[in-house]
Amino acid sequence: MAALRKANSYSKRSVTPFTRVSKRRQKSFIKVVPPQKIVKFEMGKSGDLENGKLPHILTVVSTEKVQLRHNAMEACRQYINKKLDKEYAGQYFFKIIPFPHHIQREHRMLTGAGADRMSSGMQLSFGKAIAKAALLKKNAPLFMIAVSSEKGLQVGRAALKEVNTKLPFKTRVEFKDLNKEKAKKEEIQAKIKASTPKKEKVAKEVKKAPSKK
């Protein structure tokens, strides 16, 4: 069985997204779409996030334009989810944001001594579909973890730090506190209300003002 190619064979290359599969199999370049390796995209309690019980959010962001294969995303998902479920069970929400839609192709040729005499066929053939990948732009979000306390933040940061070895590019982690953002919005709204005069005062001033004849 042929070994999986290194990530740098695909990750740093800029490609046109190839997603089209013809309904008529005979006229389709890609006869069979590779199966999706990511089992779940959302784990944990999504309802707690919607209700505001998970205010601390960590987001992994790509620092460059790359393509990430679905097997690497699945490996990261398994490790992060297992770590969170073991040390912070029932108090987190984990989500994989991008969807791998780009179909990668490979034209396998024999390598090694004398391989040029053994291989046959076109060198620039269309290739065979081997995997799926997500095309990420610069500053595109990759993973999102929402937790309820500082302890959850420590567990999440530790898991994301150990997962970096499974990714073929550099990333950064962004932090967001929904409680602080909510408090800031309330302060701004309070200032706006205090600065604008009430409708009753405006109506009294209009009545008191002399009418021009």
N, C-alpha and C. Protein backbone atom coordinates (compact mmCIF):
# COMPACT_ATOMS: atom_id res chain seq x y z
N MET A 1 0.85 -1.20 0.00
CA MET A 1 0.00 0.00 0.00
C MET A 1 0.88 1.25 0.00
N ALA A 2 0.56 2.21 -0.85
CA ALA A 2 1.36 3.43 -0.95
C ALA A 2 1.20 4.27 0.31
N ALA A 3 2.33 4.86 0.74
CA ALA A 3 2.32 5.68 1.95
C ALA A 3 1.71 7.04 1.65
N LEU A 4 1.19 7.67 2.70
CA LEU A 4 0.60 9.00 2.55
C LEU A 4 1.70 10.03 2.34
N ARG A 5 1.50 10.91 1.39
CA ARG A 5 2.51 11.93 1.11
C ARG A 5 2.62 12.92 2.27
N LYS A 6 3.75 13.60 2.31
CA LYS A 6 3.95 14.62 3.34
C LYS A 6 2.98 15.79 3.13
N ALA A 7 2.70 16.48 4.22
CA ALA A 7 1.73 17.59 4.14
C ALA A 7 2.23 18.72 3.26
N ASN A 8 3.57 18.95 3.25
CA ASN A 8 4.09 20.07 2.45
C ASN A 8 3.99 19.82 0.94
N SER A 9 3.59 18.60 0.53
CA SER A 9 3.36 18.35 -0.90
C SER A 9 2.13 19.10 -1.39
N TYR A 10 1.23 19.43 -0.47
CA TYR A 10 -0.02 20.09 -0.83
C TYR A 10 -0.24 21.42 -0.09
N SER A 11 0.20 21.50 1.17
CA SER A 11 -0.25 22.58 2.05
C SER A 11 0.12 23.96 1.55
N LYS A 12 1.33 24.13 0.99
CA LYS A 12 1.80 25.47 0.61
C LYS A 12 1.46 25.85 -0.82
N ARG A 13 0.81 24.96 -1.54
CA ARG A 13 0.50 25.24 -2.95
C ARG A 13 -0.84 25.95 -3.07
N SER A 14 -0.87 26.97 -3.93
CA SER A 14 -2.13 27.67 -4.20
C SER A 14 -2.84 26.96 -5.35
N VAL A 15 -4.05 26.53 -5.11
CA VAL A 15 -4.78 25.74 -6.10
C VAL A 15 -6.16 26.34 -6.32
N THR A 16 -6.77 25.97 -7.44
CA THR A 16 -8.16 26.30 -7.69
C THR A 16 -9.04 25.25 -7.02
N PRO A 17 -10.02 25.64 -6.23
CA PRO A 17 -10.85 24.65 -5.55
C PRO A 17 -11.51 23.71 -6.55
N PHE A 18 -11.28 22.41 -6.38
CA PHE A 18 -11.89 21.42 -7.26
C PHE A 18 -12.94 20.68 -6.46
N THR A 19 -14.20 20.96 -6.75
CA THR A 19 -15.30 20.37 -5.98
C THR A 19 -16.34 19.70 -6.87
N ARG A 20 -16.26 19.92 -8.18
CA ARG A 20 -17.32 19.48 -9.08
C ARG A 20 -17.21 17.99 -9.37
N VAL A 21 -18.32 17.30 -9.19
CA VAL A 21 -18.43 15.90 -9.57
C VAL A 21 -19.66 15.78 -10.46
N SER A 22 -19.49 15.28 -11.68
CA SER A 22 -20.59 15.20 -12.62
C SER A 22 -21.63 14.20 -12.16
N LYS A 23 -22.90 14.51 -12.47
CA LYS A 23 -23.97 13.57 -12.14
C LYS A 23 -23.86 12.31 -13.00
N ARG A 24 -23.38 12.48 -14.21
CA ARG A 24 -23.15 11.32 -15.07
C ARG A 24 -21.73 10.81 -14.83
N ARG A 25 -21.63 9.65 -14.28
CA ARG A 25 -20.33 9.11 -13.86
C ARG A 25 -19.38 8.94 -15.04
N GLN A 26 -19.90 8.62 -16.21
CA GLN A 26 -19.04 8.40 -17.37
C GLN A 26 -18.36 9.68 -17.84
N LYS A 27 -19.00 10.84 -17.60
CA LYS A 27 -18.45 12.12 -18.06
C LYS A 27 -17.72 12.87 -16.96
N SER A 28 -17.57 12.26 -15.80
CA SER A 28 -16.95 12.94 -14.68
C SER A 28 -15.46 12.62 -14.62
N PHE A 29 -14.64 13.64 -14.41
CA PHE A 29 -13.20 13.42 -14.24
C PHE A 29 -12.95 12.63 -12.95
N ILE A 30 -13.64 13.03 -11.88
CA ILE A 30 -13.51 12.33 -10.61
C ILE A 30 -14.67 11.35 -10.50
N LYS A 31 -14.36 10.09 -10.57
CA LYS A 31 -15.39 9.07 -10.56
C LYS A 31 -15.97 8.87 -9.16
N VAL A 32 -15.11 8.86 -8.15
CA VAL A 32 -15.54 8.59 -6.78
C VAL A 32 -14.95 9.67 -5.87
N VAL A 33 -15.80 10.27 -5.04
CA VAL A 33 -15.35 11.28 -4.09
C VAL A 33 -14.80 10.57 -2.85
N PRO A 34 -13.61 10.94 -2.37
CA PRO A 34 -13.06 10.30 -1.17
C PRO A 34 -14.00 10.49 0.02
N PRO A 35 -14.15 9.48 0.87
CA PRO A 35 -15.06 9.60 2.02
C PRO A 35 -14.55 10.61 3.04
N GLN A 36 -15.49 11.21 3.76
CA GLN A 36 -15.16 12.21 4.77
C GLN A 36 -14.60 11.52 6.01
N LYS A 37 -13.42 11.94 6.45
CA LYS A 37 -12.79 11.32 7.62
C LYS A 37 -13.18 11.99 8.93
N ILE A 38 -13.70 13.21 8.87
CA ILE A 38 -14.10 13.90 10.10
C ILE A 38 -15.46 13.34 10.53
N VAL A 39 -15.50 12.77 11.72
CA VAL A 39 -16.71 12.12 12.22
C VAL A 39 -17.74 13.14 12.69
N LYS A 40 -17.28 14.12 13.49
CA LYS A 40 -18.17 15.16 14.04
C LYS A 40 -17.52 16.51 13.85
N PHE A 41 -18.37 17.52 13.67
CA PHE A 41 -17.89 18.90 13.57
C PHE A 41 -18.19 19.70 14.84
N GLU A 42 -19.18 19.26 15.62
CA GLU A 42 -19.54 19.95 16.86
C GLU A 42 -19.62 18.93 18.00
N MET A 43 -18.95 19.24 19.11
CA MET A 43 -18.93 18.37 20.28
C MET A 43 -19.16 19.20 21.53
N GLY A 44 -19.72 18.57 22.55
CA GLY A 44 -19.99 19.29 23.79
C GLY A 44 -21.42 19.79 23.84
N LYS A 45 -21.62 20.86 24.61
CA LYS A 45 -22.96 21.40 24.84
C LYS A 45 -23.12 22.73 24.10
N SER A 46 -23.77 22.66 22.95
CA SER A 46 -24.01 23.88 22.17
C SER A 46 -25.07 24.76 22.82
N GLY A 47 -26.01 24.14 23.57
CA GLY A 47 -27.06 24.92 24.23
C GLY A 47 -26.52 25.85 25.29
N ASP A 48 -25.48 25.41 26.02
CA ASP A 48 -24.87 26.26 27.04
C ASP A 48 -24.20 27.48 26.42
N LEU A 49 -23.65 27.31 25.23
CA LEU A 49 -23.03 28.46 24.55
C LEU A 49 -24.09 29.47 24.15
N GLU A 50 -25.22 29.00 23.65
CA GLU A 50 -26.30 29.91 23.24
C GLU A 50 -26.91 30.62 24.44
N ASN A 51 -26.94 29.95 25.61
CA ASN A 51 -27.52 30.55 26.81
C ASN A 51 -26.54 31.43 27.58
N GLY A 52 -25.30 31.53 27.12
CA GLY A 52 -24.32 32.38 27.77
C GLY A 52 -23.61 31.74 28.94
N LYS A 53 -23.69 30.41 29.07
CA LYS A 53 -23.02 29.73 30.19
C LYS A 53 -21.56 29.41 29.89
N LEU A 54 -21.14 29.59 28.64
CA LEU A 54 -19.75 29.34 28.25
C LEU A 54 -19.17 30.63 27.66
N PRO A 55 -18.82 31.59 28.51
CA PRO A 55 -18.43 32.91 28.00
C PRO A 55 -16.99 33.01 27.49
N HIS A 56 -16.12 32.09 27.91
CA HIS A 56 -14.71 32.17 27.53
C HIS A 56 -14.48 31.36 26.24
N ILE A 57 -14.01 32.03 25.19
CA ILE A 57 -13.89 31.40 23.88
C ILE A 57 -12.44 31.50 23.38
N LEU A 58 -11.90 30.35 22.97
CA LEU A 58 -10.58 30.28 22.34
C LEU A 58 -10.78 29.90 20.87
N THR A 59 -10.11 30.63 19.97
CA THR A 59 -10.24 30.37 18.54
C THR A 59 -8.85 30.21 17.94
N VAL A 60 -8.63 29.10 17.23
CA VAL A 60 -7.37 28.87 16.52
C VAL A 60 -7.49 29.47 15.13
N VAL A 61 -6.51 30.32 14.76
CA VAL A 61 -6.55 31.06 13.50
C VAL A 61 -5.29 30.74 12.70
N SER A 62 -5.43 30.52 11.40
CA SER A 62 -4.28 30.28 10.53
C SER A 62 -3.57 31.60 10.24
N THR A 63 -2.26 31.56 10.18
CA THR A 63 -1.46 32.76 9.92
C THR A 63 -1.04 32.89 8.47
N GLU A 64 -1.44 31.94 7.63
CA GLU A 64 -1.08 31.98 6.22
C GLU A 64 -2.14 31.27 5.39
N LYS A 65 -2.01 31.39 4.08
CA LYS A 65 -2.95 30.75 3.16
C LYS A 65 -2.47 29.34 2.86
N VAL A 66 -3.24 28.34 3.29
CA VAL A 66 -2.83 26.94 3.16
C VAL A 66 -4.04 26.06 2.85
N GLN A 67 -3.74 24.79 2.58
CA GLN A 67 -4.80 23.78 2.51
C GLN A 67 -4.51 22.70 3.54
N LEU A 68 -5.53 22.32 4.27
CA LEU A 68 -5.39 21.38 5.38
C LEU A 68 -6.21 20.13 5.09
N ARG A 69 -5.57 18.97 5.12
CA ARG A 69 -6.25 17.72 4.81
C ARG A 69 -7.17 17.28 5.94
N HIS A 70 -8.20 16.52 5.57
CA HIS A 70 -9.20 16.10 6.56
C HIS A 70 -8.65 15.10 7.57
N ASN A 71 -7.61 14.34 7.22
CA ASN A 71 -7.05 13.41 8.19
C ASN A 71 -6.33 14.14 9.32
N ALA A 72 -5.69 15.28 9.01
CA ALA A 72 -5.06 16.08 10.05
C ALA A 72 -6.10 16.73 10.96
N MET A 73 -7.20 17.19 10.36
CA MET A 73 -8.28 17.79 11.16
C MET A 73 -8.93 16.77 12.08
N GLU A 74 -9.08 15.54 11.60
CA GLU A 74 -9.67 14.49 12.42
C GLU A 74 -8.74 14.10 13.57
N ALA A 75 -7.43 14.07 13.31
CA ALA A 75 -6.47 13.76 14.38
C ALA A 75 -6.51 14.83 15.47
N CYS A 76 -6.59 16.10 15.07
CA CYS A 76 -6.70 17.19 16.04
C CYS A 76 -8.01 17.09 16.82
N ARG A 77 -9.09 16.78 16.12
CA ARG A 77 -10.40 16.69 16.77
C ARG A 77 -10.41 15.60 17.84
N GLN A 78 -9.86 14.46 17.52
CA GLN A 78 -9.86 13.36 18.48
C GLN A 78 -9.08 13.72 19.74
N TYR A 79 -7.92 14.34 19.56
CA TYR A 79 -7.09 14.66 20.73
C TYR A 79 -7.74 15.75 21.60
N ILE A 80 -8.20 16.83 20.95
CA ILE A 80 -8.78 17.94 21.71
C ILE A 80 -10.04 17.50 22.44
N ASN A 81 -10.90 16.77 21.76
CA ASN A 81 -12.15 16.34 22.39
C ASN A 81 -11.89 15.37 23.54
N LYS A 82 -10.93 14.47 23.37
CA LYS A 82 -10.60 13.53 24.44
C LYS A 82 -10.02 14.24 25.66
N LYS A 83 -9.18 15.25 25.41
CA LYS A 83 -8.56 16.02 26.50
C LYS A 83 -9.64 16.80 27.27
N LEU A 84 -10.52 17.47 26.55
CA LEU A 84 -11.57 18.25 27.20
C LEU A 84 -12.56 17.36 27.94
N ASP A 85 -12.92 16.24 27.33
CA ASP A 85 -13.88 15.35 27.95
C ASP A 85 -13.31 14.69 29.20
N LYS A 86 -12.02 14.49 29.25
CA LYS A 86 -11.39 13.84 30.39
C LYS A 86 -11.21 14.80 31.56
N GLU A 87 -10.77 16.03 31.29
CA GLU A 87 -10.42 16.97 32.35
C GLU A 87 -11.48 18.04 32.61
N TYR A 88 -12.43 18.18 31.70
CA TYR A 88 -13.43 19.25 31.87
C TYR A 88 -14.76 18.80 31.28
N ALA A 89 -15.19 17.61 31.66
CA ALA A 89 -16.36 16.97 31.04
C ALA A 89 -17.64 17.75 31.31
N GLY A 90 -18.47 17.89 30.26
CA GLY A 90 -19.78 18.50 30.40
C GLY A 90 -19.80 20.00 30.55
N GLN A 91 -18.65 20.67 30.42
CA GLN A 91 -18.59 22.13 30.61
C GLN A 91 -17.86 22.81 29.46
N TYR A 92 -18.01 22.27 28.27
CA TYR A 92 -17.29 22.86 27.12
C TYR A 92 -18.11 22.65 25.85
N PHE A 93 -17.70 23.40 24.82
CA PHE A 93 -18.24 23.22 23.47
C PHE A 93 -17.09 23.37 22.50
N PHE A 94 -16.91 22.39 21.64
CA PHE A 94 -15.79 22.35 20.70
C PHE A 94 -16.35 22.23 19.27
N LYS A 95 -15.81 23.02 18.35
CA LYS A 95 -16.32 23.06 16.98
C LYS A 95 -15.18 23.15 15.98
N ILE A 96 -15.29 22.38 14.90
CA ILE A 96 -14.40 22.51 13.74
C ILE A 96 -15.11 23.42 12.74
N ILE A 97 -14.50 24.53 12.41
CA ILE A 97 -15.18 25.55 11.61
C ILE A 97 -15.11 25.29 10.10
N PRO A 98 -13.94 25.08 9.48
CA PRO A 98 -13.93 24.88 8.02
C PRO A 98 -14.40 23.49 7.62
N PHE A 99 -14.94 23.39 6.42
CA PHE A 99 -15.39 22.09 5.89
C PHE A 99 -14.47 21.70 4.73
N PRO A 100 -13.85 20.52 4.79
CA PRO A 100 -12.96 20.10 3.68
C PRO A 100 -13.76 19.74 2.44
N HIS A 101 -13.68 20.58 1.43
CA HIS A 101 -14.46 20.39 0.20
C HIS A 101 -13.59 20.19 -1.03
N HIS A 102 -12.32 20.62 -0.96
CA HIS A 102 -11.42 20.52 -2.10
C HIS A 102 -10.92 19.08 -2.25
N ILE A 103 -11.05 18.52 -3.45
CA ILE A 103 -10.63 17.13 -3.71
C ILE A 103 -9.20 17.15 -4.23
N GLN A 104 -8.30 16.50 -3.52
CA GLN A 104 -6.89 16.44 -3.92
C GLN A 104 -6.66 15.24 -4.84
N ARG A 105 -5.75 15.45 -5.81
CA ARG A 105 -5.44 14.40 -6.77
C ARG A 105 -3.95 14.06 -6.73
N GLU A 106 -3.65 12.84 -7.19
CA GLU A 106 -2.27 12.39 -7.18
C GLU A 106 -2.03 11.48 -8.37
N HIS A 107 -0.91 11.74 -9.08
CA HIS A 107 -0.50 10.86 -10.17
C HIS A 107 0.69 10.06 -9.67
N ARG A 108 0.41 8.84 -9.24
CA ARG A 108 1.46 8.02 -8.63
C ARG A 108 2.39 7.45 -9.70
N MET A 109 3.69 7.63 -9.47
CA MET A 109 4.72 7.08 -10.36
C MET A 109 5.76 6.39 -9.50
N LEU A 110 6.38 5.36 -10.03
CA LEU A 110 7.41 4.65 -9.28
C LEU A 110 8.63 5.52 -9.11
N THR A 111 9.26 5.43 -7.96
CA THR A 111 10.47 6.20 -7.68
C THR A 111 11.58 5.24 -7.28
N GLY A 112 12.81 5.72 -7.36
CA GLY A 112 13.95 4.89 -7.01
C GLY A 112 14.79 4.57 -8.22
N ALA A 113 15.76 3.67 -8.06
CA ALA A 113 16.68 3.32 -9.14
C ALA A 113 15.93 2.56 -10.23
N GLY A 114 16.05 3.05 -11.46
CA GLY A 114 15.43 2.39 -12.59
C GLY A 114 13.94 2.62 -12.73
N ALA A 115 13.38 3.53 -11.94
CA ALA A 115 11.93 3.76 -11.98
C ALA A 115 11.50 4.42 -13.28
N ASP A 116 12.41 5.18 -13.93
CA ASP A 116 12.04 5.85 -15.16
C ASP A 116 11.77 4.85 -16.28
N ARG A 117 12.37 3.66 -16.19
CA ARG A 117 12.14 2.66 -17.22
C ARG A 117 10.91 1.81 -16.93
N MET A 118 10.49 1.80 -15.65
CA MET A 118 9.35 0.96 -15.27
C MET A 118 8.03 1.70 -15.36
N SER A 119 8.05 3.03 -15.12
CA SER A 119 6.81 3.79 -15.12
C SER A 119 6.34 4.02 -16.55
N SER A 120 5.04 4.16 -16.71
CA SER A 120 4.47 4.40 -18.03
C SER A 120 3.27 5.33 -17.89
N GLY A 121 2.88 5.94 -19.00
CA GLY A 121 1.74 6.83 -18.98
C GLY A 121 2.16 8.29 -19.03
N MET A 122 1.18 9.17 -19.07
CA MET A 122 1.45 10.60 -19.16
C MET A 122 2.02 11.13 -17.84
N GLN A 123 2.99 12.03 -17.90
CA GLN A 123 3.56 12.63 -16.70
C GLN A 123 2.64 13.69 -16.10
N LEU A 124 1.84 14.34 -16.95
CA LEU A 124 0.94 15.40 -16.49
C LEU A 124 -0.51 14.93 -16.59
N SER A 125 -0.78 13.74 -16.12
CA SER A 125 -2.14 13.23 -16.18
C SER A 125 -3.00 13.91 -15.12
N PHE A 126 -4.33 13.71 -15.23
CA PHE A 126 -5.26 14.36 -14.31
C PHE A 126 -5.06 13.87 -12.89
N GLY A 127 -4.72 12.63 -12.71
CA GLY A 127 -4.48 12.10 -11.37
C GLY A 127 -5.70 11.42 -10.79
N LYS A 128 -5.48 10.74 -9.68
CA LYS A 128 -6.52 9.99 -8.99
C LYS A 128 -6.89 10.69 -7.70
N ALA A 129 -8.18 10.77 -7.39
CA ALA A 129 -8.64 11.42 -6.15
C ALA A 129 -8.18 10.60 -4.95
N ILE A 130 -7.51 11.27 -4.00
CA ILE A 130 -6.97 10.55 -2.84
C ILE A 130 -7.48 11.09 -1.51
N ALA A 131 -7.83 12.37 -1.44
CA ALA A 131 -8.20 12.94 -0.14
C ALA A 131 -9.00 14.22 -0.34
N LYS A 132 -9.52 14.75 0.76
CA LYS A 132 -10.20 16.03 0.78
C LYS A 132 -9.39 17.01 1.63
N ALA A 133 -9.55 18.30 1.34
CA ALA A 133 -8.83 19.31 2.10
C ALA A 133 -9.68 20.57 2.21
N ALA A 134 -9.43 21.33 3.27
CA ALA A 134 -10.08 22.62 3.46
C ALA A 134 -9.09 23.71 3.06
N LEU A 135 -9.53 24.62 2.20
CA LEU A 135 -8.68 25.73 1.76
C LEU A 135 -8.87 26.90 2.72
N LEU A 136 -7.81 27.25 3.44
CA LEU A 136 -7.87 28.30 4.45
C LEU A 136 -7.16 29.55 3.95
N LYS A 137 -7.80 30.68 4.13
CA LYS A 137 -7.17 31.96 3.85
C LYS A 137 -6.42 32.44 5.09
N LYS A 138 -5.68 33.51 4.94
CA LYS A 138 -4.97 34.08 6.09
C LYS A 138 -5.98 34.63 7.09
N ASN A 139 -5.73 34.37 8.37
CA ASN A 139 -6.60 34.78 9.48
C ASN A 139 -7.95 34.06 9.48
N ALA A 140 -8.02 32.90 8.83
CA ALA A 140 -9.26 32.12 8.82
C ALA A 140 -9.34 31.28 10.10
N PRO A 141 -10.51 31.20 10.73
CA PRO A 141 -10.65 30.40 11.96
C PRO A 141 -10.64 28.91 11.64
N LEU A 142 -10.06 28.13 12.54
CA LEU A 142 -9.94 26.69 12.33
C LEU A 142 -10.71 25.90 13.40
N PHE A 143 -10.36 26.09 14.68
CA PHE A 143 -11.05 25.44 15.79
C PHE A 143 -11.59 26.48 16.75
N MET A 144 -12.69 26.14 17.42
CA MET A 144 -13.27 27.03 18.43
C MET A 144 -13.62 26.22 19.68
N ILE A 145 -13.15 26.70 20.84
CA ILE A 145 -13.43 26.05 22.13
C ILE A 145 -14.07 27.09 23.04
N ALA A 146 -15.22 26.75 23.60
CA ALA A 146 -15.91 27.62 24.56
C ALA A 146 -16.00 26.89 25.89
N VAL A 147 -15.56 27.58 26.97
CA VAL A 147 -15.57 26.98 28.31
C VAL A 147 -16.20 27.96 29.30
N SER A 148 -16.39 27.49 30.53
CA SER A 148 -17.12 28.29 31.51
C SER A 148 -16.23 28.95 32.57
N SER A 149 -14.95 28.58 32.68
CA SER A 149 -14.12 29.11 33.76
C SER A 149 -12.66 29.18 33.33
N GLU A 150 -11.83 29.70 34.26
CA GLU A 150 -10.39 29.82 34.00
C GLU A 150 -9.73 28.46 33.88
N LYS A 151 -10.21 27.48 34.65
CA LYS A 151 -9.65 26.14 34.57
C LYS A 151 -9.85 25.55 33.17
N GLY A 152 -11.01 25.77 32.60
CA GLY A 152 -11.28 25.31 31.24
C GLY A 152 -10.36 25.97 30.22
N LEU A 153 -10.05 27.25 30.45
CA LEU A 153 -9.12 27.94 29.55
C LEU A 153 -7.74 27.30 29.58
N GLN A 154 -7.27 26.92 30.76
CA GLN A 154 -5.96 26.28 30.87
C GLN A 154 -5.95 24.93 30.15
N VAL A 155 -7.01 24.16 30.34
CA VAL A 155 -7.09 22.85 29.67
C VAL A 155 -7.15 23.03 28.15
N GLY A 156 -7.94 24.00 27.69
CA GLY A 156 -8.06 24.25 26.26
C GLY A 156 -6.77 24.73 25.64
N ARG A 157 -6.08 25.64 26.31
CA ARG A 157 -4.80 26.14 25.78
C ARG A 157 -3.76 25.04 25.71
N ALA A 158 -3.72 24.17 26.73
CA ALA A 158 -2.77 23.06 26.72
C ALA A 158 -3.04 22.10 25.58
N ALA A 159 -4.32 21.81 25.32
CA ALA A 159 -4.68 20.90 24.23
C ALA A 159 -4.32 21.50 22.87
N LEU A 160 -4.59 22.79 22.70
CA LEU A 160 -4.28 23.44 21.42
C LEU A 160 -2.77 23.54 21.19
N LYS A 161 -2.01 23.70 22.26
CA LYS A 161 -0.55 23.78 22.13
C LYS A 161 0.02 22.44 21.67
N GLU A 162 -0.50 21.33 22.19
CA GLU A 162 0.01 20.01 21.83
C GLU A 162 -0.45 19.58 20.43
N VAL A 163 -1.52 20.19 19.94
CA VAL A 163 -2.06 19.83 18.63
C VAL A 163 -1.29 20.47 17.49
N ASN A 164 -0.47 21.48 17.78
CA ASN A 164 0.26 22.21 16.74
C ASN A 164 1.14 21.30 15.90
N THR A 165 1.64 20.21 16.48
CA THR A 165 2.52 19.32 15.74
C THR A 165 1.78 18.56 14.63
N LYS A 166 0.46 18.51 14.70
CA LYS A 166 -0.32 17.80 13.69
C LYS A 166 -0.72 18.71 12.53
N LEU A 167 -0.42 20.01 12.64
CA LEU A 167 -0.82 20.97 11.61
C LEU A 167 0.40 21.37 10.78
N PRO A 168 0.27 21.49 9.46
CA PRO A 168 1.42 21.80 8.59
C PRO A 168 1.69 23.30 8.44
N PHE A 169 1.21 24.13 9.36
CA PHE A 169 1.43 25.57 9.26
C PHE A 169 1.35 26.17 10.66
N LYS A 170 1.76 27.42 10.76
CA LYS A 170 1.75 28.11 12.05
C LYS A 170 0.36 28.68 12.33
N THR A 171 0.00 28.68 13.59
CA THR A 171 -1.30 29.20 14.00
C THR A 171 -1.14 30.13 15.19
N ARG A 172 -2.20 30.84 15.51
CA ARG A 172 -2.25 31.65 16.73
C ARG A 172 -3.62 31.44 17.39
N VAL A 173 -3.65 31.67 18.69
CA VAL A 173 -4.88 31.46 19.47
C VAL A 173 -5.41 32.81 19.91
N GLU A 174 -6.66 33.09 19.59
CA GLU A 174 -7.32 34.34 19.98
C GLU A 174 -8.31 34.05 21.11
N PHE A 175 -8.36 34.99 22.06
CA PHE A 175 -9.24 34.83 23.23
C PHE A 175 -10.33 35.90 23.23
N LYS A 176 -11.53 35.48 23.62
CA LYS A 176 -12.66 36.40 23.69
C LYS A 176 -13.48 36.09 24.94
N ASP A 177 -13.82 37.16 25.68
CA ASP A 177 -14.65 37.02 26.88
C ASP A 177 -16.00 37.68 26.60
N LEU A 178 -17.05 36.87 26.49
CA LEU A 178 -18.37 37.40 26.15
C LEU A 178 -18.95 38.26 27.27
N ASN A 179 -18.61 37.97 28.53
CA ASN A 179 -19.11 38.77 29.65
C ASN A 179 -18.59 40.21 29.58
N LYS A 180 -17.30 40.36 29.27
CA LYS A 180 -16.71 41.70 29.17
C LYS A 180 -17.30 42.46 27.99
N GLU A 181 -17.48 41.77 26.88
CA GLU A 181 -18.07 42.43 25.71
C GLU A 181 -19.50 42.87 25.99
N LYS A 182 -20.25 42.05 26.71
CA LYS A 182 -21.63 42.40 27.06
C LYS A 182 -21.65 43.61 27.98
N ALA A 183 -20.72 43.65 28.96
CA ALA A 183 -20.65 44.78 29.89
C ALA A 183 -20.31 46.07 29.15
N LYS A 184 -19.39 45.99 28.17
CA LYS A 184 -19.02 47.18 27.40
C LYS A 184 -20.21 47.70 26.60
N LYS A 185 -20.97 46.79 25.99
CA LYS A 185 -22.14 47.20 25.21
C LYS A 185 -23.17 47.89 26.10
N GLU A 186 -23.36 47.35 27.31
CA GLU A 186 -24.32 47.95 28.24
C GLU A 186 -23.87 49.34 28.67
N GLU A 187 -22.56 49.52 28.90
CA GLU A 187 -22.03 50.84 29.26
C GLU A 187 -22.26 51.85 28.14
N ILE A 188 -21.99 51.42 26.92
CA ILE A 188 -22.17 52.31 25.77
C ILE A 188 -23.63 52.70 25.61
N GLN A 189 -24.53 51.73 25.76
CA GLN A 189 -25.96 52.02 25.66
C GLN A 189 -26.43 52.96 26.76
N ALA A 190 -25.89 52.77 27.99
CA ALA A 190 -26.25 53.64 29.10
C ALA A 190 -25.80 55.08 28.85
N LYS A 191 -24.59 55.24 28.30
CA LYS A 191 -24.08 56.57 27.98
C LYS A 191 -24.93 57.24 26.91
N ILE A 192 -25.35 56.47 25.92
CA ILE A 192 -26.18 57.02 24.85
C ILE A 192 -27.53 57.48 25.39
N LYS A 193 -28.11 56.68 26.28
CA LYS A 193 -29.39 57.03 26.88
C LYS A 193 -29.27 58.28 27.76
N ALA A 194 -28.17 58.37 28.49
CA ALA A 194 -27.96 59.53 29.37
C ALA A 194 -27.74 60.81 28.58
N SER A 195 -27.09 60.70 27.43
CA SER A 195 -26.79 61.89 26.63
C SER A 195 -28.00 62.40 25.85
N THR A 196 -28.93 61.52 25.48
CA THR A 196 -30.10 61.93 24.71
C THR A 196 -31.22 62.37 25.65
N PRO A 197 -31.88 63.53 25.42
CA PRO A 197 -32.97 63.98 26.28
C PRO A 197 -34.21 63.10 26.15
N LYS A 198 -34.97 63.01 27.21
CA LYS A 198 -36.18 62.19 27.19
C LYS A 198 -37.26 62.85 26.33
N LYS A 199 -38.20 62.05 25.86
CA LYS A 199 -39.26 62.54 24.98
C LYS A 199 -40.18 63.52 25.70
N GLU A 200 -40.43 63.31 27.01
CA GLU A 200 -41.32 64.17 27.77
C GLU A 200 -40.73 65.58 27.89
N LYS A 201 -39.41 65.66 28.18
CA LYS A 201 -38.77 66.96 28.30
C LYS A 201 -38.80 67.69 26.97
N VAL A 202 -38.56 66.99 25.89
CA VAL A 202 -38.57 67.62 24.57
C VAL A 202 -39.96 68.14 24.24
N ALA A 203 -41.01 67.38 24.59
CA ALA A 203 -42.39 67.80 24.31
C ALA A 203 -42.75 69.05 25.12
N LYS A 204 -42.34 69.16 26.40
CA LYS A 204 -42.60 70.33 27.24
C LYS A 204 -41.91 71.56 26.69
N GLU A 205 -40.66 71.39 26.24
CA GLU A 205 -39.91 72.52 25.69
C GLU A 205 -40.57 73.03 24.41
N VAL A 206 -41.10 72.11 23.62
CA VAL A 206 -41.77 72.51 22.38
C VAL A 206 -43.04 73.28 22.69
N LYS A 207 -43.80 72.90 23.74
CA LYS A 207 -45.03 73.60 24.12
C LYS A 207 -44.71 74.98 24.66
N LYS A 208 -43.65 75.11 25.47
CA LYS A 208 -43.30 76.37 26.06
C LYS A 208 -42.76 77.36 25.04
N ALA A 209 -42.19 76.88 24.01
CA ALA A 209 -41.58 77.77 23.00
C ALA A 209 -42.67 78.61 22.35
N PRO A 210 -42.45 79.95 22.19
CA PRO A 210 -43.46 80.84 21.57
C PRO A 210 -43.63 80.50 20.10
N SER A 211 -44.87 80.50 19.67
CA SER A 211 -45.15 80.19 18.26
C SER A 211 -44.94 81.43 17.42
N LYS A 212 -44.42 81.27 16.25
CA LYS A 212 -44.15 82.39 15.34
C LYS A 212 -45.39 82.63 14.49
N LYS A 213 -45.88 83.89 14.48
CA LYS A 213 -47.05 84.27 13.67
C LYS A 213 -46.64 85.29 12.62
